All heavy atoms as atom14 arrays in JSON, in Angstrom:
{
  "sequence": "PFLEKERGQTQRREVLVQVKGGHVKSGDIRDLVG",
  "atom14_mask": [
    [1, 1, 1, 1, 1, 1, 1, 0, 0, 0, 0, 0, 0, 0],
    [1, 1, 1, 1, 1, 1, 1, 1, 1, 1, 1, 0, 0, 0],
    [1, 1, 1, 1, 1, 1, 1, 1, 0, 0, 0, 0, 0, 0],
    [1, 1, 1, 1, 1, 1, 1, 1, 1, 0, 0, 0, 0, 0],
    [1, 1, 1, 1, 1, 1, 1, 1, 1, 0, 0, 0, 0, 0],
    [1, 1, 1, 1, 1, 1, 1, 1, 1, 0, 0, 0, 0, 0],
    [1, 1, 1, 1, 1, 1, 1, 1, 1, 1, 1, 0, 0, 0],
    [1, 1, 1, 1, 0, 0, 0, 0, 0, 0, 0, 0, 0, 0],
    [1, 1, 1, 1, 1, 1, 1, 1, 1, 0, 0, 0, 0, 0],
    [1, 1, 1, 1, 1, 1, 1, 0, 0, 0, 0, 0, 0, 0],
    [1, 1, 1, 1, 1, 1, 1, 1, 1, 0, 0, 0, 0, 0],
    [1, 1, 1, 1, 1, 1, 1, 1, 1, 1, 1, 0, 0, 0],
    [1, 1, 1, 1, 1, 1, 1, 1, 1, 1, 1, 0, 0, 0],
    [1, 1, 1, 1, 1, 1, 1, 1, 1, 0, 0, 0, 0, 0],
    [1, 1, 1, 1, 1, 1, 1, 0, 0, 0, 0, 0, 0, 0],
    [1, 1, 1, 1, 1, 1, 1, 1, 0, 0, 0, 0, 0, 0],
    [1, 1, 1, 1, 1, 1, 1, 0, 0, 0, 0, 0, 0, 0],
    [1, 1, 1, 1, 1, 1, 1, 1, 1, 0, 0, 0, 0, 0],
    [1, 1, 1, 1, 1, 1, 1, 0, 0, 0, 0, 0, 0, 0],
    [1, 1, 1, 1, 1, 1, 1, 1, 1, 0, 0, 0, 0, 0],
    [1, 1, 1, 1, 0, 0, 0, 0, 0, 0, 0, 0, 0, 0],
    [1, 1, 1, 1, 0, 0, 0, 0, 0, 0, 0, 0, 0, 0],
    [1, 1, 1, 1, 1, 1, 1, 1, 1, 1, 0, 0, 0, 0],
    [1, 1, 1, 1, 1, 1, 1, 0, 0, 0, 0, 0, 0, 0],
    [1, 1, 1, 1, 1, 1, 1, 1, 1, 0, 0, 0, 0, 0],
    [1, 1, 1, 1, 1, 1, 0, 0, 0, 0, 0, 0, 0, 0],
    [1, 1, 1, 1, 0, 0, 0, 0, 0, 0, 0, 0, 0, 0],
    [1, 1, 1, 1, 1, 1, 1, 1, 0, 0, 0, 0, 0, 0],
    [1, 1, 1, 1, 1, 1, 1, 1, 0, 0, 0, 0, 0, 0],
    [1, 1, 1, 1, 1, 1, 1, 1, 1, 1, 1, 0, 0, 0],
    [1, 1, 1, 1, 1, 1, 1, 1, 0, 0, 0, 0, 0, 0],
    [1, 1, 1, 1, 1, 1, 1, 1, 0, 0, 0, 0, 0, 0],
    [1, 1, 1, 1, 1, 1, 1, 0, 0, 0, 0, 0, 0, 0],
    [1, 1, 1, 1, 0, 0, 0, 0, 0, 0, 0, 0, 0, 0]
  ],
  "atom14_positions": [
    [[0.82, -1.21, 0.0], [0.0, 0.0, 0.0], [0.86, 1.27, 0.0], [2.01, 1.25, 0.44], [-0.79, -0.12, 1.31], [0.09, -0.92, 2.2], [0.89, -1.85, 1.33], [0.0, 0.0, 0.0], [0.0, 0.0, 0.0], [0.0, 0.0, 0.0], [0.0, 0.0, 0.0], [0.0, 0.0, 0.0], [0.0, 0.0, 0.0], [0.0, 0.0, 0.0]],
    [[0.3, 2.33, -0.51], [0.92, 3.64, -0.4], [-0.18, 4.69, -0.33], [-1.34, 4.41, -0.64], [1.9, 3.92, -1.55], [1.27, 4.03, -2.91], [0.85, 5.26, -3.41], [1.1, 2.9, -3.71], [0.27, 5.36, -4.67], [0.53, 2.99, -4.97], [0.11, 4.23, -5.45], [0.0, 0.0, 0.0], [0.0, 0.0, 0.0], [0.0, 0.0, 0.0]],
    [[0.19, 5.88, 0.09], [-0.78, 6.96, 0.23], [-0.67, 7.91, -0.94], [0.42, 8.28, -1.37], [-0.57, 7.71, 1.56], [-0.78, 6.89, 2.83], [-0.59, 7.77, 4.05], [-2.15, 6.23, 2.85], [0.0, 0.0, 0.0], [0.0, 0.0, 0.0], [0.0, 0.0, 0.0], [0.0, 0.0, 0.0], [0.0, 0.0, 0.0], [0.0, 0.0, 0.0]],
    [[-1.81, 8.31, -1.44], [-1.87, 9.22, -2.58], [-2.8, 10.38, -2.24], [-3.84, 10.18, -1.59], [-2.42, 8.48, -3.81], [-2.41, 9.27, -5.09], [-1.01, 9.55, -5.6], [-0.45, 10.6, -5.2], [-0.48, 8.74, -6.37], [0.0, 0.0, 0.0], [0.0, 0.0, 0.0], [0.0, 0.0, 0.0], [0.0, 0.0, 0.0], [0.0, 0.0, 0.0]],
    [[-2.41, 11.57, -2.61], [-3.25, 12.74, -2.36], [-3.95, 13.12, -3.66], [-3.3, 13.46, -4.65], [-2.41, 13.9, -1.84], [-3.24, 14.97, -1.15], [-2.39, 15.81, -0.21], [-3.29, 16.71, 0.64], [-2.52, 17.47, 1.64], [0.0, 0.0, 0.0], [0.0, 0.0, 0.0], [0.0, 0.0, 0.0], [0.0, 0.0, 0.0], [0.0, 0.0, 0.0]],
    [[-5.26, 13.02, -3.63], [-6.06, 13.33, -4.8], [-7.2, 14.26, -4.4], [-7.95, 13.99, -3.48], [-6.63, 12.05, -5.42], [-5.58, 11.04, -5.85], [-6.2, 9.78, -6.43], [-6.91, 9.91, -7.44], [-5.98, 8.7, -5.87], [0.0, 0.0, 0.0], [0.0, 0.0, 0.0], [0.0, 0.0, 0.0], [0.0, 0.0, 0.0], [0.0, 0.0, 0.0]],
    [[-7.29, 15.39, -5.11], [-8.37, 16.35, -4.87], [-8.44, 16.78, -3.41], [-9.52, 16.9, -2.82], [-9.72, 15.78, -5.32], [-9.76, 15.41, -6.8], [-11.08, 14.77, -7.17], [-11.08, 14.37, -8.58], [-12.08, 13.71, -9.15], [-13.15, 13.39, -8.44], [-12.0, 13.38, -10.43], [0.0, 0.0, 0.0], [0.0, 0.0, 0.0], [0.0, 0.0, 0.0]],
    [[-7.27, 16.98, -2.83], [-7.2, 17.46, -1.45], [-7.43, 16.4, -0.4], [-7.42, 16.71, 0.8], [0.0, 0.0, 0.0], [0.0, 0.0, 0.0], [0.0, 0.0, 0.0], [0.0, 0.0, 0.0], [0.0, 0.0, 0.0], [0.0, 0.0, 0.0], [0.0, 0.0, 0.0], [0.0, 0.0, 0.0], [0.0, 0.0, 0.0], [0.0, 0.0, 0.0]],
    [[-7.63, 15.15, -0.8], [-7.87, 14.08, 0.15], [-6.8, 13.0, 0.03], [-6.28, 12.74, -1.06], [-9.25, 13.45, -0.07], [-10.4, 14.39, 0.22], [-11.75, 13.69, 0.1], [-11.87, 12.66, -0.55], [-12.76, 14.25, 0.74], [0.0, 0.0, 0.0], [0.0, 0.0, 0.0], [0.0, 0.0, 0.0], [0.0, 0.0, 0.0], [0.0, 0.0, 0.0]],
    [[-6.47, 12.39, 1.17], [-5.49, 11.32, 1.18], [-6.18, 9.99, 0.94], [-7.12, 9.63, 1.66], [-4.74, 11.28, 2.52], [-4.08, 12.52, 2.73], [-3.7, 10.15, 2.54], [0.0, 0.0, 0.0], [0.0, 0.0, 0.0], [0.0, 0.0, 0.0], [0.0, 0.0, 0.0], [0.0, 0.0, 0.0], [0.0, 0.0, 0.0], [0.0, 0.0, 0.0]],
    [[-5.72, 9.27, -0.07], [-6.32, 7.99, -0.45], [-5.28, 6.88, -0.31], [-4.09, 7.09, -0.52], [-6.81, 8.03, -1.9], [-7.75, 9.16, -2.21], [-9.14, 8.93, -1.65], [-9.51, 7.81, -1.31], [-9.93, 9.99, -1.57], [0.0, 0.0, 0.0], [0.0, 0.0, 0.0], [0.0, 0.0, 0.0], [0.0, 0.0, 0.0], [0.0, 0.0, 0.0]],
    [[-5.75, 5.69, 0.04], [-4.88, 4.52, 0.08], [-4.93, 3.83, -1.27], [-5.98, 3.46, -1.74], [-5.33, 3.54, 1.17], [-4.43, 2.3, 1.33], [-5.02, 1.38, 2.39], [-4.15, 0.27, 2.74], [-4.1, -0.89, 2.11], [-4.89, -1.1, 1.06], [-3.29, -1.85, 2.51], [0.0, 0.0, 0.0], [0.0, 0.0, 0.0], [0.0, 0.0, 0.0]],
    [[-3.77, 3.71, -1.92], [-3.68, 3.01, -3.19], [-2.79, 1.79, -3.01], [-2.05, 1.68, -2.01], [-3.11, 3.92, -4.28], [-3.9, 5.2, -4.5], [-5.34, 4.93, -4.9], [-5.46, 4.14, -6.11], [-5.47, 4.63, -7.34], [-5.34, 5.94, -7.53], [-5.6, 3.85, -8.39], [0.0, 0.0, 0.0], [0.0, 0.0, 0.0], [0.0, 0.0, 0.0]],
    [[-2.82, 0.89, -3.99], [-2.1, -0.38, -3.83], [-1.27, -0.75, -5.06], [-1.64, -0.45, -6.19], [-3.08, -1.51, -3.54], [-3.75, -1.4, -2.18], [-4.67, -2.57, -1.91], [-5.14, -3.2, -2.88], [-4.92, -2.85, -0.72], [0.0, 0.0, 0.0], [0.0, 0.0, 0.0], [0.0, 0.0, 0.0], [0.0, 0.0, 0.0], [0.0, 0.0, 0.0]],
    [[-0.17, -1.42, -4.77], [0.61, -2.12, -5.78], [0.33, -3.61, -5.59], [0.51, -4.15, -4.49], [2.12, -1.86, -5.61], [2.93, -2.69, -6.6], [2.43, -0.38, -5.77], [0.0, 0.0, 0.0], [0.0, 0.0, 0.0], [0.0, 0.0, 0.0], [0.0, 0.0, 0.0], [0.0, 0.0, 0.0], [0.0, 0.0, 0.0], [0.0, 0.0, 0.0]],
    [[-0.13, -4.29, -6.63], [-0.43, -5.72, -6.56], [0.76, -6.51, -7.12], [1.32, -6.14, -8.15], [-1.7, -6.05, -7.35], [-2.97, -5.31, -6.91], [-4.16, -5.8, -7.72], [-3.23, -5.49, -5.42], [0.0, 0.0, 0.0], [0.0, 0.0, 0.0], [0.0, 0.0, 0.0], [0.0, 0.0, 0.0], [0.0, 0.0, 0.0], [0.0, 0.0, 0.0]],
    [[1.11, -7.59, -6.44], [2.3, -8.36, -6.79], [1.94, -9.81, -7.06], [1.19, -10.43, -6.28], [3.35, -8.3, -5.66], [4.64, -9.0, -6.1], [3.64, -6.86, -5.25], [0.0, 0.0, 0.0], [0.0, 0.0, 0.0], [0.0, 0.0, 0.0], [0.0, 0.0, 0.0], [0.0, 0.0, 0.0], [0.0, 0.0, 0.0], [0.0, 0.0, 0.0]],
    [[2.46, -10.33, -8.16], [2.3, -11.75, -8.48], [3.68, -12.37, -8.61], [4.59, -11.77, -9.18], [1.52, -11.92, -9.79], [1.14, -13.37, -10.07], [0.26, -13.47, -11.31], [0.73, -13.33, -12.43], [-1.04, -13.72, -11.11], [0.0, 0.0, 0.0], [0.0, 0.0, 0.0], [0.0, 0.0, 0.0], [0.0, 0.0, 0.0], [0.0, 0.0, 0.0]],
    [[3.84, -13.58, -8.06], [5.14, -14.27, -8.07], [5.0, -15.57, -8.86], [4.06, -16.34, -8.63], [5.62, -14.58, -6.63], [6.96, -15.31, -6.66], [5.72, -13.3, -5.81], [0.0, 0.0, 0.0], [0.0, 0.0, 0.0], [0.0, 0.0, 0.0], [0.0, 0.0, 0.0], [0.0, 0.0, 0.0], [0.0, 0.0, 0.0], [0.0, 0.0, 0.0]],
    [[5.95, -15.81, -9.77], [5.96, -17.03, -10.55], [7.34, -17.69, -10.43], [8.36, -17.07, -10.7], [5.67, -16.75, -12.03], [4.24, -16.3, -12.32], [3.25, -17.45, -12.15], [1.86, -17.02, -12.6], [0.87, -18.11, -12.45], [0.0, 0.0, 0.0], [0.0, 0.0, 0.0], [0.0, 0.0, 0.0], [0.0, 0.0, 0.0], [0.0, 0.0, 0.0]],
    [[7.33, -18.97, -10.05], [8.58, -19.7, -9.91], [8.83, -20.69, -11.03], [9.87, -21.35, -11.06], [0.0, 0.0, 0.0], [0.0, 0.0, 0.0], [0.0, 0.0, 0.0], [0.0, 0.0, 0.0], [0.0, 0.0, 0.0], [0.0, 0.0, 0.0], [0.0, 0.0, 0.0], [0.0, 0.0, 0.0], [0.0, 0.0, 0.0], [0.0, 0.0, 0.0]],
    [[7.89, -20.78, -11.97], [8.03, -21.73, -13.06], [7.99, -21.05, -14.41], [8.42, -19.91, -14.57], [0.0, 0.0, 0.0], [0.0, 0.0, 0.0], [0.0, 0.0, 0.0], [0.0, 0.0, 0.0], [0.0, 0.0, 0.0], [0.0, 0.0, 0.0], [0.0, 0.0, 0.0], [0.0, 0.0, 0.0], [0.0, 0.0, 0.0], [0.0, 0.0, 0.0]],
    [[7.46, -21.77, -15.42], [7.39, -21.25, -16.78], [6.49, -20.03, -16.84], [5.43, -19.98, -16.22], [6.85, -22.33, -17.72], [6.65, -21.86, -19.12], [7.69, -21.58, -19.97], [5.5, -21.6, -19.82], [7.22, -21.18, -21.13], [5.89, -21.18, -21.07], [0.0, 0.0, 0.0], [0.0, 0.0, 0.0], [0.0, 0.0, 0.0], [0.0, 0.0, 0.0]],
    [[6.92, -19.0, -17.59], [6.14, -17.78, -17.73], [5.93, -17.48, -19.21], [6.71, -17.9, -20.07], [6.83, -16.59, -17.04], [6.83, -16.77, -15.53], [8.27, -16.42, -17.54], [0.0, 0.0, 0.0], [0.0, 0.0, 0.0], [0.0, 0.0, 0.0], [0.0, 0.0, 0.0], [0.0, 0.0, 0.0], [0.0, 0.0, 0.0], [0.0, 0.0, 0.0]],
    [[4.86, -16.72, -19.49], [4.51, -16.39, -20.88], [3.8, -15.05, -20.91], [3.4, -14.51, -19.84], [3.63, -17.49, -21.46], [2.35, -17.73, -20.68], [1.63, -18.95, -21.18], [0.31, -19.17, -20.45], [0.48, -19.28, -18.97], [0.0, 0.0, 0.0], [0.0, 0.0, 0.0], [0.0, 0.0, 0.0], [0.0, 0.0, 0.0], [0.0, 0.0, 0.0]],
    [[3.6, -14.52, -22.11], [2.99, -13.2, -22.26], [1.56, -13.16, -21.73], [1.08, -12.13, -21.25], [3.02, -12.76, -23.73], [2.33, -13.7, -24.54], [0.0, 0.0, 0.0], [0.0, 0.0, 0.0], [0.0, 0.0, 0.0], [0.0, 0.0, 0.0], [0.0, 0.0, 0.0], [0.0, 0.0, 0.0], [0.0, 0.0, 0.0], [0.0, 0.0, 0.0]],
    [[0.87, -14.31, -21.79], [-0.49, -14.36, -21.25], [-0.56, -14.06, -19.77], [-1.57, -13.53, -19.28], [0.0, 0.0, 0.0], [0.0, 0.0, 0.0], [0.0, 0.0, 0.0], [0.0, 0.0, 0.0], [0.0, 0.0, 0.0], [0.0, 0.0, 0.0], [0.0, 0.0, 0.0], [0.0, 0.0, 0.0], [0.0, 0.0, 0.0], [0.0, 0.0, 0.0]],
    [[0.51, -14.38, -19.03], [0.55, -14.06, -17.6], [0.49, -12.55, -17.37], [-0.15, -12.08, -16.43], [1.83, -14.62, -16.97], [1.89, -16.14, -17.02], [0.82, -16.78, -16.92], [3.0, -16.69, -17.16], [0.0, 0.0, 0.0], [0.0, 0.0, 0.0], [0.0, 0.0, 0.0], [0.0, 0.0, 0.0], [0.0, 0.0, 0.0], [0.0, 0.0, 0.0]],
    [[1.18, -11.81, -18.23], [1.19, -10.36, -18.1], [-0.18, -9.78, -18.44], [-0.69, -8.89, -17.75], [2.27, -9.74, -19.0], [3.64, -10.34, -18.67], [2.3, -8.23, -18.84], [4.08, -10.16, -17.25], [0.0, 0.0, 0.0], [0.0, 0.0, 0.0], [0.0, 0.0, 0.0], [0.0, 0.0, 0.0], [0.0, 0.0, 0.0], [0.0, 0.0, 0.0]],
    [[-0.8, -10.3, -19.5], [-2.14, -9.81, -19.86], [-3.13, -10.09, -18.73], [-3.99, -9.25, -18.42], [-2.61, -10.48, -21.15], [-1.88, -9.99, -22.4], [-2.6, -10.43, -23.67], [-2.57, -11.88, -23.83], [-1.59, -12.54, -24.45], [-0.57, -11.87, -24.96], [-1.64, -13.85, -24.57], [0.0, 0.0, 0.0], [0.0, 0.0, 0.0], [0.0, 0.0, 0.0]],
    [[-3.02, -11.26, -18.1], [-3.91, -11.58, -16.99], [-3.7, -10.63, -15.82], [-4.67, -10.2, -15.17], [-3.66, -13.02, -16.52], [-4.14, -14.05, -17.53], [-4.93, -13.68, -18.43], [-3.71, -15.23, -17.43], [0.0, 0.0, 0.0], [0.0, 0.0, 0.0], [0.0, 0.0, 0.0], [0.0, 0.0, 0.0], [0.0, 0.0, 0.0], [0.0, 0.0, 0.0]],
    [[-2.44, -10.3, -15.53], [-2.17, -9.39, -14.42], [-2.69, -7.99, -14.71], [-3.22, -7.31, -13.82], [-0.66, -9.36, -14.13], [-0.21, -8.48, -12.95], [-0.96, -8.85, -11.68], [1.3, -8.59, -12.74], [0.0, 0.0, 0.0], [0.0, 0.0, 0.0], [0.0, 0.0, 0.0], [0.0, 0.0, 0.0], [0.0, 0.0, 0.0], [0.0, 0.0, 0.0]],
    [[-2.55, -7.54, -15.97], [-3.1, -6.24, -16.35], [-4.62, -6.22, -16.11], [-5.18, -5.25, -15.58], [-2.79, -5.92, -17.82], [-3.56, -4.68, -18.28], [-1.29, -5.69, -18.01], [0.0, 0.0, 0.0], [0.0, 0.0, 0.0], [0.0, 0.0, 0.0], [0.0, 0.0, 0.0], [0.0, 0.0, 0.0], [0.0, 0.0, 0.0], [0.0, 0.0, 0.0]],
    [[-5.28, -7.32, -16.47], [-6.71, -7.41, -16.24], [-7.06, -7.36, -14.77], [-8.05, -6.73, -14.37], [0.0, 0.0, 0.0], [0.0, 0.0, 0.0], [0.0, 0.0, 0.0], [0.0, 0.0, 0.0], [0.0, 0.0, 0.0], [0.0, 0.0, 0.0], [0.0, 0.0, 0.0], [0.0, 0.0, 0.0], [0.0, 0.0, 0.0], [0.0, 0.0, 0.0]]
  ]
}
């Protein structure tokens, strides 16, 4: 989490993390974007 100031108000925003220990492909990135 991190704090963001928008329109004079403090909002909680998030960074989402995915971990892969095996085979990876471009479809994994598209899924994470979704």
